[in-house]
Amino acid sequence: MTDQSAVIPPRRKLKDKPSTTPDRLFYGISSAAAYSTIVLVVAIMFFLMLRAWPAFEQQGLFNFVFGSGWDATQETPIFHIGPMLYGSFLVAAIGVILAVPMSISIAYFIEFMAPKPVAKTTALLIDLLSAIPSVVIGLWGLTVFSPVGAHWGEMLHNTFGFLPIFQNDSDNFLRTPLIAGFVVAVMIVPIIASITREIFSQIDQDLIKASLALGGNRESTFRKVILPTATGGIVGGVLLALGRALGETVAIFFVLNLVFSDVNWYKIISPEGGAIASLILARFSEGTAAEISALLAAGVVLFAFTLVINSLASYIVAKAQPWRK
C-alpha cells in the first residue's frame, strides 16, 4: 500500500512579502496609499483641534457640547452647540426611519422579484440618485417638496395634534425637522439599498428554496430566512447612512430653520431645529475670530461622532460579510 504522504506534495506557504520588483513596486504604492488615508485623517483632526482649542478652553468642553445659546455680539461670547447637536441626530433619525423600509423594499425587489433587465435598470437609477449633488437635492426640497411636506405636517397636526410630537404653536409648517428628514432620506436611500442588495445577493439560495419548498410563502421566507440572515449587513448600511446624514450641510440648510436658544426635543413639525453642518455653513463667512474657532470646534465634535459611527458601521458590515476576509 502506497504511503499517501509520499505521493501528496507538501503544501506551499505563500510569502507575506512580494519577491519580484514589479510586485514590490505595486506593494509599496498600495501601502503608501492606504497609510496616507490614515495620515490624512489624523492631520485633519490635528488641524481642527489646533484651531478649535481656544473655543474649548473659553467655553468649557461640556458647556460647549451640551449647552444652549449662540451669540457672538456679547462681551463674553456664548458658543454652545447643544441644540445643533441634538437637532443633527433628530433629523438623521427621521431620515433613517423613513429610508430603511424603502431601501429594504428596493433591494428585495431588485434581487428577488424583478426580471433581470428591470433589476439592472432599477439598480442603475438608484446608483445615479447617489451621484446627484446635495445642493440639487436641497433646491428640490426647497422649491418642490417643502410645500408638500408643509401640507403633510399640517394634516398630521390637525389629526394627531394631541400627541406632543405633532404639536405646532406657530401655524407655520415650513422648514421643519420632518421636511429635513424627508430630504435626508432621499439622499441616504441609495447607500442603504446598495449595501442591502449586496447582502441579499450573497445569501445562500438553497436556504430560500428550502423555505419555499417546505410551504413558506414569500413574506414568511423574507421575515424568517432572508431578514435574520442579512440583519448585520443592513445595520451596518444604516449606520453608514447615519454618518452621511449627520454630515449633510447644504440640503438641510435650505429646508430647516436653525434655532440656537432651545433644544427641539420632539416637535418634528415645528419650524425649529438644528444641524451642526448647517450651522457652520450659515456662520462661517461672517464670523469673528472667536466664532470661527467655535465653528471649527463644532466641526471637531461632528467629525468625532461621524468617525465613531462609520467605524462601527464598517466593523458590523465586515462581520456580516465573512466571505470578504
C-alpha atoms as a PDB file:
ATOM      1  CA  MET A   1       0.000   0.000   0.000  1.00  0.00           C
ATOM      2  CA  THR A   2       1.431   3.374  -1.081  1.00  0.00           C
ATOM      3  CA  ASP A   3       2.036   5.931   1.631  1.00  0.00           C
ATOM      4  CA  GLN A   4      -0.176   8.965   0.873  1.00  0.00           C
ATOM      5  CA  SER A   5       2.323  11.351   2.449  1.00  0.00           C
ATOM      6  CA  ALA A   6       4.905  10.274  -0.117  1.00  0.00           C
ATOM      7  CA  VAL A   7       2.507  10.962  -3.036  1.00  0.00           C
ATOM      8  CA  ILE A   8       0.955  14.256  -1.945  1.00  0.00           C
ATOM      9  CA  PRO A   9       3.499  17.089  -2.060  1.00  0.00           C
ATOM     10  CA  PRO A  10       3.726  19.339   0.983  1.00  0.00           C
ATOM     11  CA  ARG A  11       1.508  22.409   0.917  1.00  0.00           C
ATOM     12  CA  ARG A  12       3.371  25.516  -0.119  1.00  0.00           C
ATOM     13  CA  LYS A  13       3.279  28.542   2.132  1.00  0.00           C
ATOM     14  CA  LEU A  14       2.639  31.889   0.498  1.00  0.00           C
ATOM     15  CA  LYS A  15       5.199  34.552   1.261  1.00  0.00           C
ATOM     16  CA  ASP A  16       3.994  37.548   3.192  1.00  0.00           C
ATOM     17  CA  LYS A  17       6.036  39.993   1.165  1.00  0.00           C
ATOM     18  CA  PRO A  18       6.445  40.283  -2.627  1.00  0.00           C
ATOM     19  CA  SER A  19       9.544  38.780  -4.165  1.00  0.00           C
ATOM     20  CA  THR A  20       9.773  40.388  -7.624  1.00  0.00           C
ATOM     21  CA  THR A  21      10.478  44.034  -8.461  1.00  0.00           C
ATOM     22  CA  PRO A  22       7.042  44.792 -10.014  1.00  0.00           C
ATOM     23  CA  ASP A  23       5.346  43.202  -7.007  1.00  0.00           C
ATOM     24  CA  ARG A  24       7.476  45.244  -4.626  1.00  0.00           C
ATOM     25  CA  LEU A  25       6.626  48.422  -6.521  1.00  0.00           C
ATOM     26  CA  PHE A  26       2.919  47.654  -6.536  1.00  0.00           C
ATOM     27  CA  TYR A  27       3.023  46.655  -2.863  1.00  0.00           C
ATOM     28  CA  GLY A  28       4.811  49.873  -1.929  1.00  0.00           C
ATOM     29  CA  ILE A  29       2.390  52.127  -3.836  1.00  0.00           C
ATOM     30  CA  SER A  30      -0.648  50.361  -2.383  1.00  0.00           C
ATOM     31  CA  SER A  31       0.725  50.525   1.152  1.00  0.00           C
ATOM     32  CA  ALA A  32       1.579  54.214   0.774  1.00  0.00           C
ATOM     33  CA  ALA A  33      -1.937  54.970  -0.467  1.00  0.00           C
ATOM     34  CA  ALA A  34      -3.510  53.065   2.431  1.00  0.00           C
ATOM     35  CA  TYR A  35      -1.334  54.677   5.099  1.00  0.00           C
ATOM     36  CA  SER A  36      -1.778  58.146   3.573  1.00  0.00           C
ATOM     37  CA  THR A  37      -5.500  57.890   4.308  1.00  0.00           C
ATOM     38  CA  ILE A  38      -4.780  57.388   7.992  1.00  0.00           C
ATOM     39  CA  VAL A  39      -2.257  60.235   7.970  1.00  0.00           C
ATOM     40  CA  LEU A  40      -4.801  62.496   6.251  1.00  0.00           C
ATOM     41  CA  VAL A  41      -7.499  61.788   8.855  1.00  0.00           C
ATOM     42  CA  VAL A  42      -5.056  62.405  11.707  1.00  0.00           C
ATOM     43  CA  ALA A  43      -3.838  65.624  10.048  1.00  0.00           C
ATOM     44  CA  ILE A  44      -7.396  66.922   9.629  1.00  0.00           C
ATOM     45  CA  MET A  45      -8.207  66.163  13.252  1.00  0.00           C
ATOM     46  CA  PHE A  46      -4.954  67.814  14.413  1.00  0.00           C
ATOM     47  CA  PHE A  47      -5.659  70.961  12.378  1.00  0.00           C
ATOM     48  CA  LEU A  48      -9.230  71.211  13.646  1.00  0.00           C
ATOM     49  CA  MET A  49      -8.177  70.656  17.248  1.00  0.00           C
ATOM     50  CA  LEU A  50      -5.416  73.270  16.939  1.00  0.00           C
ATOM     51  CA  ARG A  51      -7.826  75.912  15.652  1.00  0.00           C
ATOM     52  CA  ALA A  52     -10.701  74.855  17.904  1.00  0.00           C
ATOM     53  CA  TRP A  53      -8.790  74.690  21.171  1.00  0.00           C
ATOM     54  CA  PRO A  54      -9.387  78.386  22.117  1.00  0.00           C
ATOM     55  CA  ALA A  55     -13.153  77.817  21.909  1.00  0.00           C
ATOM     56  CA  PHE A  56     -12.983  74.662  24.030  1.00  0.00           C
ATOM     57  CA  GLU A  57     -10.811  76.486  26.550  1.00  0.00           C
ATOM     58  CA  GLN A  58     -13.065  79.536  26.759  1.00  0.00           C
ATOM     59  CA  GLN A  59     -16.459  77.810  26.765  1.00  0.00           C
ATOM     60  CA  GLY A  60     -15.585  74.551  28.505  1.00  0.00           C
ATOM     61  CA  LEU A  61     -15.973  71.241  26.729  1.00  0.00           C
ATOM     62  CA  PHE A  62     -19.160  70.154  28.493  1.00  0.00           C
ATOM     63  CA  ASN A  63     -20.903  73.529  28.167  1.00  0.00           C
ATOM     64  CA  PHE A  64     -19.848  73.842  24.542  1.00  0.00           C
ATOM     65  CA  VAL A  65     -21.217  70.435  23.550  1.00  0.00           C
ATOM     66  CA  PHE A  66     -24.374  70.311  25.679  1.00  0.00           C
ATOM     67  CA  GLY A  67     -25.228  73.954  26.414  1.00  0.00           C
ATOM     68  CA  SER A  68     -27.705  76.196  24.575  1.00  0.00           C
ATOM     69  CA  GLY A  69     -27.191  79.603  23.008  1.00  0.00           C
ATOM     70  CA  TRP A  70     -25.041  81.148  20.279  1.00  0.00           C
ATOM     71  CA  ASP A  71     -24.265  84.875  20.499  1.00  0.00           C
ATOM     72  CA  ALA A  72     -21.036  86.397  19.191  1.00  0.00           C
ATOM     73  CA  THR A  73     -22.068  90.010  19.956  1.00  0.00           C
ATOM     74  CA  GLN A  74     -21.730  89.851  23.737  1.00  0.00           C
ATOM     75  CA  GLU A  75     -18.612  90.967  25.552  1.00  0.00           C
ATOM     76  CA  THR A  76     -18.096  87.352  26.546  1.00  0.00           C
ATOM     77  CA  PRO A  77     -19.377  85.418  23.523  1.00  0.00           C
ATOM     78  CA  ILE A  78     -21.566  82.384  24.061  1.00  0.00           C
ATOM     79  CA  PHE A  79     -20.981  79.415  21.783  1.00  0.00           C
ATOM     80  CA  HIS A  80     -22.945  76.289  22.689  1.00  0.00           C
ATOM     81  CA  ILE A  81     -23.976  73.641  20.168  1.00  0.00           C
ATOM     82  CA  GLY A  82     -26.418  71.539  22.232  1.00  0.00           C
ATOM     83  CA  PRO A  83     -29.484  72.347  20.085  1.00  0.00           C
ATOM     84  CA  MET A  84     -27.472  71.872  16.888  1.00  0.00           C
ATOM     85  CA  LEU A  85     -26.008  68.546  18.009  1.00  0.00           C
ATOM     86  CA  TYR A  86     -29.335  67.114  19.109  1.00  0.00           C
ATOM     87  CA  GLY A  87     -31.013  68.524  16.002  1.00  0.00           C
ATOM     88  CA  SER A  88     -28.479  66.755  13.801  1.00  0.00           C
ATOM     89  CA  PHE A  89     -29.340  63.419  15.385  1.00  0.00           C
ATOM     90  CA  LEU A  90     -33.084  64.160  15.257  1.00  0.00           C
ATOM     91  CA  VAL A  91     -33.072  64.942  11.534  1.00  0.00           C
ATOM     92  CA  ALA A  92     -30.781  61.984  10.828  1.00  0.00           C
ATOM     93  CA  ALA A  93     -33.040  59.673  12.847  1.00  0.00           C
ATOM     94  CA  ILE A  94     -36.123  60.830  10.924  1.00  0.00           C
ATOM     95  CA  GLY A  95     -34.283  60.281   7.653  1.00  0.00           C
ATOM     96  CA  VAL A  96     -33.160  56.790   8.671  1.00  0.00           C
ATOM     97  CA  ILE A  97     -36.658  55.796   9.851  1.00  0.00           C
ATOM     98  CA  LEU A  98     -38.091  56.864   6.500  1.00  0.00           C
ATOM     99  CA  ALA A  99     -35.274  55.451   4.372  1.00  0.00           C
ATOM    100  CA  VAL A 100     -34.843  51.963   5.860  1.00  0.00           C
ATOM    101  CA  PRO A 101     -38.204  50.478   4.743  1.00  0.00           C
ATOM    102  CA  MET A 102     -37.825  51.997   1.279  1.00  0.00           C
ATOM    103  CA  SER A 103     -34.251  50.758   0.926  1.00  0.00           C
ATOM    104  CA  ILE A 104     -35.016  47.199   2.033  1.00  0.00           C
ATOM    105  CA  SER A 105     -38.019  47.090  -0.295  1.00  0.00           C
ATOM    106  CA  ILE A 106     -35.930  48.340  -3.221  1.00  0.00           C
ATOM    107  CA  ALA A 107     -33.174  45.812  -2.507  1.00  0.00           C
ATOM    108  CA  TYR A 108     -35.690  42.942  -2.214  1.00  0.00           C
ATOM    109  CA  PHE A 109     -37.400  43.976  -5.457  1.00  0.00           C
ATOM    110  CA  ILE A 110     -34.109  44.151  -7.368  1.00  0.00           C
ATOM    111  CA  GLU A 111     -32.715  40.902  -6.019  1.00  0.00           C
ATOM    112  CA  PHE A 112     -35.734  38.591  -5.769  1.00  0.00           C
ATOM    113  CA  MET A 113     -38.711  39.972  -7.705  1.00  0.00           C
ATOM    114  CA  ALA A 114     -37.765  41.989 -10.777  1.00  0.00           C
ATOM    115  CA  PRO A 115     -36.755  40.453 -14.123  1.00  0.00           C
ATOM    116  CA  LYS A 116     -33.076  40.937 -14.884  1.00  0.00           C
ATOM    117  CA  PRO A 117     -33.487  43.873 -17.325  1.00  0.00           C
ATOM    118  CA  VAL A 118     -35.753  45.702 -14.868  1.00  0.00           C
ATOM    119  CA  ALA A 119     -33.442  44.881 -11.962  1.00  0.00           C
ATOM    120  CA  LYS A 120     -30.399  46.264 -13.788  1.00  0.00           C
ATOM    121  CA  THR A 121     -32.255  49.445 -14.759  1.00  0.00           C
ATOM    122  CA  THR A 122     -33.553  49.980 -11.223  1.00  0.00           C
ATOM    123  CA  ALA A 123     -30.111  49.402  -9.703  1.00  0.00           C
ATOM    124  CA  LEU A 124     -28.623  51.890 -12.173  1.00  0.00           C
ATOM    125  CA  LEU A 125     -31.224  54.534 -11.281  1.00  0.00           C
ATOM    126  CA  ILE A 126     -30.614  54.060  -7.562  1.00  0.00           C
ATOM    127  CA  ASP A 127     -26.866  54.423  -8.099  1.00  0.00           C
ATOM    128  CA  LEU A 128     -27.448  57.573 -10.160  1.00  0.00           C
ATOM    129  CA  LEU A 129     -29.519  59.006  -7.317  1.00  0.00           C
ATOM    130  CA  SER A 130     -26.494  58.775  -5.043  1.00  0.00           C
ATOM    131  CA  ALA A 131     -24.482  60.802  -7.576  1.00  0.00           C
ATOM    132  CA  ILE A 132     -26.829  63.811  -7.524  1.00  0.00           C
ATOM    133  CA  PRO A 133     -25.138  66.735  -5.705  1.00  0.00           C
ATOM    134  CA  SER A 134     -26.648  67.610  -2.349  1.00  0.00           C
ATOM    135  CA  VAL A 135     -27.219  71.216  -3.441  1.00  0.00           C
ATOM    136  CA  VAL A 136     -29.519  69.974  -6.217  1.00  0.00           C
ATOM    137  CA  ILE A 137     -31.488  67.827  -3.774  1.00  0.00           C
ATOM    138  CA  GLY A 138     -31.615  70.790  -1.391  1.00  0.00           C
ATOM    139  CA  LEU A 139     -33.045  73.043  -4.099  1.00  0.00           C
ATOM    140  CA  TRP A 140     -35.585  70.342  -4.954  1.00  0.00           C
ATOM    141  CA  GLY A 141     -36.519  70.128  -1.282  1.00  0.00           C
ATOM    142  CA  LEU A 142     -36.867  73.906  -1.012  1.00  0.00           C
ATOM    143  CA  THR A 143     -38.862  74.588  -4.177  1.00  0.00           C
ATOM    144  CA  VAL A 144     -40.781  71.355  -4.776  1.00  0.00           C
ATOM    145  CA  PHE A 145     -41.075  69.265  -1.642  1.00  0.00           C
ATOM    146  CA  SER A 146     -41.333  71.924   1.082  1.00  0.00           C
ATOM    147  CA  PRO A 147     -44.946  72.939   0.222  1.00  0.00           C
ATOM    148  CA  VAL A 148     -45.932  69.266   0.052  1.00  0.00           C
ATOM    149  CA  GLY A 149     -44.180  68.472   3.331  1.00  0.00           C
ATOM    150  CA  ALA A 150     -45.788  71.500   4.990  1.00  0.00           C
ATOM    151  CA  HIS A 151     -49.218  70.250   3.895  1.00  0.00           C
ATOM    152  CA  TRP A 152     -48.450  66.808   5.330  1.00  0.00           C
ATOM    153  CA  GLY A 153     -47.298  68.406   8.575  1.00  0.00           C
ATOM    154  CA  GLU A 154     -50.486  70.434   8.817  1.00  0.00           C
ATOM    155  CA  MET A 155     -52.592  67.308   8.276  1.00  0.00           C
ATOM    156  CA  LEU A 156     -50.646  65.479  10.984  1.00  0.00           C
ATOM    157  CA  HIS A 157     -51.171  68.413  13.335  1.00  0.00           C
ATOM    158  CA  ASN A 158     -54.908  68.608  12.636  1.00  0.00           C
ATOM    159  CA  THR A 159     -55.351  64.847  13.063  1.00  0.00           C
ATOM    160  CA  PHE A 160     -52.854  63.928  15.769  1.00  0.00           C
ATOM    161  CA  GLY A 161     -52.166  67.300  17.351  1.00  0.00           C
ATOM    162  CA  PHE A 162     -52.983  65.894  20.772  1.00  0.00           C
ATOM    163  CA  LEU A 163     -49.685  63.990  20.597  1.00  0.00           C
ATOM    164  CA  PRO A 164     -46.684  66.090  21.676  1.00  0.00           C
ATOM    165  CA  ILE A 165     -44.626  65.017  18.665  1.00  0.00           C
ATOM    166  CA  PHE A 166     -47.145  66.605  16.261  1.00  0.00           C
ATOM    167  CA  GLN A 167     -47.694  69.868  18.136  1.00  0.00           C
ATOM    168  CA  ASN A 168     -47.144  73.197  16.409  1.00  0.00           C
ATOM    169  CA  ASP A 169     -47.705  76.519  18.150  1.00  0.00           C
ATOM    170  CA  SER A 170     -46.790  78.845  15.281  1.00  0.00           C
ATOM    171  CA  ASP A 171     -49.104  77.652  12.482  1.00  0.00           C
ATOM    172  CA  ASN A 172     -46.032  77.617  10.224  1.00  0.00           C
ATOM    173  CA  PHE A 173     -45.247  74.169   8.867  1.00  0.00           C
ATOM    174  CA  LEU A 174     -42.329  75.079   6.600  1.00  0.00           C
ATOM    175  CA  ARG A 175     -38.627  74.473   7.430  1.00  0.00           C
ATOM    176  CA  THR A 176     -39.354  71.751   9.978  1.00  0.00           C
ATOM    177  CA  PRO A 177     -37.322  68.682  11.040  1.00  0.00           C
ATOM    178  CA  LEU A 178     -39.862  66.474   9.269  1.00  0.00           C
ATOM    179  CA  ILE A 179     -39.205  68.133   5.905  1.00  0.00           C
ATOM    180  CA  ALA A 180     -35.446  67.993   6.513  1.00  0.00           C
ATOM    181  CA  GLY A 181     -35.777  64.318   7.438  1.00  0.00           C
ATOM    182  CA  PHE A 182     -37.548  63.544   4.158  1.00  0.00           C
ATOM    183  CA  VAL A 183     -34.823  65.309   2.177  1.00  0.00           C
ATOM    184  CA  VAL A 184     -32.113  63.407   4.069  1.00  0.00           C
ATOM    185  CA  ALA A 185     -33.997  60.148   3.447  1.00  0.00           C
ATOM    186  CA  VAL A 186     -33.828  60.754  -0.300  1.00  0.00           C
ATOM    187  CA  MET A 187     -30.057  61.168  -0.007  1.00  0.00           C
ATOM    188  CA  ILE A 188     -29.357  58.048   2.070  1.00  0.00           C
ATOM    189  CA  VAL A 189     -31.715  55.582   0.373  1.00  0.00           C
ATOM    190  CA  PRO A 190     -29.060  54.676  -2.260  1.00  0.00           C
ATOM    191  CA  ILE A 191     -26.482  53.894   0.447  1.00  0.00           C
ATOM    192  CA  ILE A 192     -28.713  51.541   2.421  1.00  0.00           C
ATOM    193  CA  ALA A 193     -30.244  49.992  -0.703  1.00  0.00           C
ATOM    194  CA  SER A 194     -26.851  49.249  -2.294  1.00  0.00           C
ATOM    195  CA  ILE A 195     -25.434  47.581   0.819  1.00  0.00           C
ATOM    196  CA  THR A 196     -28.649  45.659   1.453  1.00  0.00           C
ATOM    197  CA  ARG A 197     -28.740  44.487  -2.160  1.00  0.00           C
ATOM    198  CA  GLU A 198     -25.160  43.276  -1.843  1.00  0.00           C
ATOM    199  CA  ILE A 199     -26.015  41.364   1.336  1.00  0.00           C
ATOM    200  CA  PHE A 200     -29.120  39.826  -0.257  1.00  0.00           C
ATOM    201  CA  SER A 201     -27.110  38.673  -3.268  1.00  0.00           C
ATOM    202  CA  GLN A 202     -24.719  36.721  -1.011  1.00  0.00           C
ATOM    203  CA  ILE A 203     -27.421  34.767   0.827  1.00  0.00           C
ATOM    204  CA  ASP A 204     -27.353  31.037   0.054  1.00  0.00           C
ATOM    205  CA  GLN A 205     -30.163  30.457  -2.426  1.00  0.00           C
ATOM    206  CA  ASP A 206     -30.642  26.947  -1.089  1.00  0.00           C
ATOM    207  CA  LEU A 207     -31.952  28.433   2.166  1.00  0.00           C
ATOM    208  CA  ILE A 208     -34.602  30.383   0.300  1.00  0.00           C
ATOM    209  CA  LYS A 209     -35.563  27.454  -1.924  1.00  0.00           C
ATOM    210  CA  ALA A 210     -35.791  25.151   1.096  1.00  0.00           C
ATOM    211  CA  SER A 211     -38.112  27.576   2.852  1.00  0.00           C
ATOM    212  CA  LEU A 212     -40.369  27.806  -0.195  1.00  0.00           C
ATOM    213  CA  ALA A 213     -40.286  24.026  -0.680  1.00  0.00           C
ATOM    214  CA  LEU A 214     -41.436  23.500   2.907  1.00  0.00           C
ATOM    215  CA  GLY A 215     -44.544  25.570   2.286  1.00  0.00           C
ATOM    216  CA  GLY A 216     -43.371  29.045   3.199  1.00  0.00           C
ATOM    217  CA  ASN A 217     -44.598  31.974   1.165  1.00  0.00           C
ATOM    218  CA  ARG A 218     -42.587  34.999   0.056  1.00  0.00           C
ATOM    219  CA  GLU A 219     -43.492  37.024   3.125  1.00  0.00           C
ATOM    220  CA  SER A 220     -42.609  34.367   5.685  1.00  0.00           C
ATOM    221  CA  THR A 221     -39.396  33.495   3.817  1.00  0.00           C
ATOM    222  CA  PHE A 222     -38.352  37.131   3.868  1.00  0.00           C
ATOM    223  CA  ARG A 223     -39.252  37.565   7.536  1.00  0.00           C
ATOM    224  CA  LYS A 224     -37.803  34.307   8.889  1.00  0.00           C
ATOM    225  CA  VAL A 225     -34.948  33.492   6.495  1.00  0.00           C
ATOM    226  CA  ILE A 226     -33.724  36.478   4.493  1.00  0.00           C
ATOM    227  CA  LEU A 227     -34.045  39.248   7.068  1.00  0.00           C
ATOM    228  CA  PRO A 228     -32.398  37.404  10.005  1.00  0.00           C
ATOM    229  CA  THR A 229     -29.512  36.359   7.757  1.00  0.00           C
ATOM    230  CA  ALA A 230     -28.948  39.873   6.435  1.00  0.00           C
ATOM    231  CA  THR A 231     -29.575  41.833   9.639  1.00  0.00           C
ATOM    232  CA  GLY A 232     -25.915  42.524  10.383  1.00  0.00           C
ATOM    233  CA  GLY A 233     -25.205  43.936   6.945  1.00  0.00           C
ATOM    234  CA  ILE A 234     -28.371  46.033   6.948  1.00  0.00           C
ATOM    235  CA  VAL A 235     -27.476  47.523  10.335  1.00  0.00           C
ATOM    236  CA  GLY A 236     -24.018  48.369   9.027  1.00  0.00           C
ATOM    237  CA  GLY A 237     -25.519  50.057   5.981  1.00  0.00           C
ATOM    238  CA  VAL A 238     -27.905  52.028   8.182  1.00  0.00           C
ATOM    239  CA  LEU A 239     -25.029  53.254  10.329  1.00  0.00           C
ATOM    240  CA  LEU A 240     -23.063  54.299   7.244  1.00  0.00           C
ATOM    241  CA  ALA A 241     -26.108  56.222   6.044  1.00  0.00           C
ATOM    242  CA  LEU A 242     -26.462  57.763   9.506  1.00  0.00           C
ATOM    243  CA  GLY A 243     -22.901  59.044   9.241  1.00  0.00           C
ATOM    244  CA  ARG A 244     -23.756  60.624   5.878  1.00  0.00           C
ATOM    245  CA  ALA A 245     -26.939  62.144   7.293  1.00  0.00           C
ATOM    246  CA  LEU A 246     -25.141  63.697  10.270  1.00  0.00           C
ATOM    247  CA  GLY A 247     -22.683  65.451   7.978  1.00  0.00           C
ATOM    248  CA  GLU A 248     -25.200  66.767   5.453  1.00  0.00           C
ATOM    249  CA  THR A 249     -24.908  70.535   5.034  1.00  0.00           C
ATOM    250  CA  VAL A 250     -26.463  72.366   2.103  1.00  0.00           C
ATOM    251  CA  ALA A 251     -29.647  70.333   1.701  1.00  0.00           C
ATOM    252  CA  ILE A 252     -30.600  70.731   5.372  1.00  0.00           C
ATOM    253  CA  PHE A 253     -29.641  74.406   5.344  1.00  0.00           C
ATOM    254  CA  PHE A 254     -32.237  75.052   2.631  1.00  0.00           C
ATOM    255  CA  VAL A 255     -35.148  73.334   4.371  1.00  0.00           C
ATOM    256  CA  LEU A 256     -34.599  73.718   8.146  1.00  0.00           C
ATOM    257  CA  ASN A 257     -34.959  76.734  10.422  1.00  0.00           C
ATOM    258  CA  LEU A 258     -31.984  76.806  12.804  1.00  0.00           C
ATOM    259  CA  VAL A 259     -32.783  77.721  16.418  1.00  0.00           C
ATOM    260  CA  PHE A 260     -29.905  78.208  18.866  1.00  0.00           C
ATOM    261  CA  SER A 261     -31.668  79.096  22.118  1.00  0.00           C
ATOM    262  CA  ASP A 262     -33.648  75.945  22.923  1.00  0.00           C
ATOM    263  CA  VAL A 263     -33.484  72.266  22.056  1.00  0.00           C
ATOM    264  CA  ASN A 264     -36.374  70.966  19.982  1.00  0.00           C
ATOM    265  CA  TRP A 265     -36.650  67.593  21.657  1.00  0.00           C
ATOM    266  CA  TYR A 266     -39.537  66.034  19.743  1.00  0.00           C
ATOM    267  CA  LYS A 267     -41.730  68.551  17.842  1.00  0.00           C
ATOM    268  CA  ILE A 268     -40.915  67.378  14.336  1.00  0.00           C
ATOM    269  CA  ILE A 269     -43.450  69.620  12.566  1.00  0.00           C
ATOM    270  CA  SER A 270     -42.440  72.846  14.318  1.00  0.00           C
ATOM    271  CA  PRO A 271     -40.199  75.289  12.396  1.00  0.00           C
ATOM    272  CA  GLU A 272     -37.267  74.944  14.749  1.00  0.00           C
ATOM    273  CA  GLY A 273     -34.351  72.579  14.683  1.00  0.00           C
ATOM    274  CA  GLY A 274     -30.625  72.303  14.377  1.00  0.00           C
ATOM    275  CA  ALA A 275     -27.775  70.809  12.382  1.00  0.00           C
ATOM    276  CA  ILE A 276     -24.098  71.321  13.120  1.00  0.00           C
ATOM    277  CA  ALA A 277     -23.016  71.231   9.473  1.00  0.00           C
ATOM    278  CA  SER A 278     -25.653  73.795   8.507  1.00  0.00           C
ATOM    279  CA  LEU A 279     -24.595  75.982  11.464  1.00  0.00           C
ATOM    280  CA  ILE A 280     -21.040  76.030  10.116  1.00  0.00           C
ATOM    281  CA  LEU A 281     -22.297  76.910   6.634  1.00  0.00           C
ATOM    282  CA  ALA A 282     -24.538  79.700   7.928  1.00  0.00           C
ATOM    283  CA  ARG A 283     -21.979  81.404  10.186  1.00  0.00           C
ATOM    284  CA  PHE A 284     -18.554  80.798   8.713  1.00  0.00           C
ATOM    285  CA  SER A 285     -18.461  83.592   6.125  1.00  0.00           C
ATOM    286  CA  GLU A 286     -19.360  86.389   8.586  1.00  0.00           C
ATOM    287  CA  GLY A 287     -17.900  85.060  11.835  1.00  0.00           C
ATOM    288  CA  THR A 288     -15.369  86.760  14.082  1.00  0.00           C
ATOM    289  CA  ALA A 289     -12.108  85.059  15.011  1.00  0.00           C
ATOM    290  CA  ALA A 290     -13.655  83.665  18.193  1.00  0.00           C
ATOM    291  CA  GLU A 291     -16.733  82.462  16.304  1.00  0.00           C
ATOM    292  CA  ILE A 292     -14.596  80.804  13.625  1.00  0.00           C
ATOM    293  CA  SER A 293     -12.769  78.927  16.386  1.00  0.00           C
ATOM    294  CA  ALA A 294     -16.136  77.838  17.830  1.00  0.00           C
ATOM    295  CA  LEU A 295     -17.341  76.684  14.407  1.00  0.00           C
ATOM    296  CA  LEU A 296     -14.191  74.626  13.947  1.00  0.00           C
ATOM    297  CA  ALA A 297     -14.774  73.185  17.420  1.00  0.00           C
ATOM    298  CA  ALA A 298     -18.272  72.215  16.295  1.00  0.00           C
ATOM    299  CA  GLY A 299     -16.631  70.561  13.306  1.00  0.00           C
ATOM    300  CA  VAL A 300     -14.383  68.579  15.657  1.00  0.00           C
ATOM    301  CA  VAL A 301     -17.419  67.293  17.575  1.00  0.00           C
ATOM    302  CA  LEU A 302     -19.229  66.347  14.366  1.00  0.00           C
ATOM    303  CA  PHE A 303     -16.056  64.756  12.967  1.00  0.00           C
ATOM    304  CA  ALA A 304     -15.626  62.657  16.107  1.00  0.00           C
ATOM    305  CA  PHE A 305     -19.225  61.428  16.129  1.00  0.00           C
ATOM    306  CA  THR A 306     -19.154  60.645  12.402  1.00  0.00           C
ATOM    307  CA  LEU A 307     -15.833  58.821  12.680  1.00  0.00           C
ATOM    308  CA  VAL A 308     -17.104  56.635  15.514  1.00  0.00           C
ATOM    309  CA  ILE A 309     -20.353  55.810  13.694  1.00  0.00           C
ATOM    310  CA  ASN A 310     -18.608  54.990  10.401  1.00  0.00           C
ATOM    311  CA  SER A 311     -16.009  52.825  12.157  1.00  0.00           C
ATOM    312  CA  LEU A 312     -18.768  50.923  13.923  1.00  0.00           C
ATOM    313  CA  ALA A 313     -20.620  50.508  10.624  1.00  0.00           C
ATOM    314  CA  SER A 314     -17.534  49.173   8.847  1.00  0.00           C
ATOM    315  CA  TYR A 315     -16.960  46.685  11.640  1.00  0.00           C
ATOM    316  CA  ILE A 316     -20.557  45.437  11.515  1.00  0.00           C
ATOM    317  CA  VAL A 317     -20.533  45.122   7.716  1.00  0.00           C
ATOM    318  CA  ALA A 318     -17.258  43.188   7.855  1.00  0.00           C
ATOM    319  CA  LYS A 319     -18.705  40.822  10.433  1.00  0.00           C
ATOM    320  CA  ALA A 320     -21.808  40.339   8.284  1.00  0.00           C
ATOM    321  CA  GLN A 321     -19.697  39.542   5.191  1.00  0.00           C
ATOM    322  CA  PRO A 322     -17.122  36.977   6.320  1.00  0.00           C
ATOM    323  CA  TRP A 323     -16.539  35.922   2.696  1.00  0.00           C
ATOM    324  CA  ARG A 324     -14.685  39.205   2.130  1.00  0.00           C
ATOM    325  CA  LYS A 325     -11.947  38.410   4.610  1.00  0.00           C
END
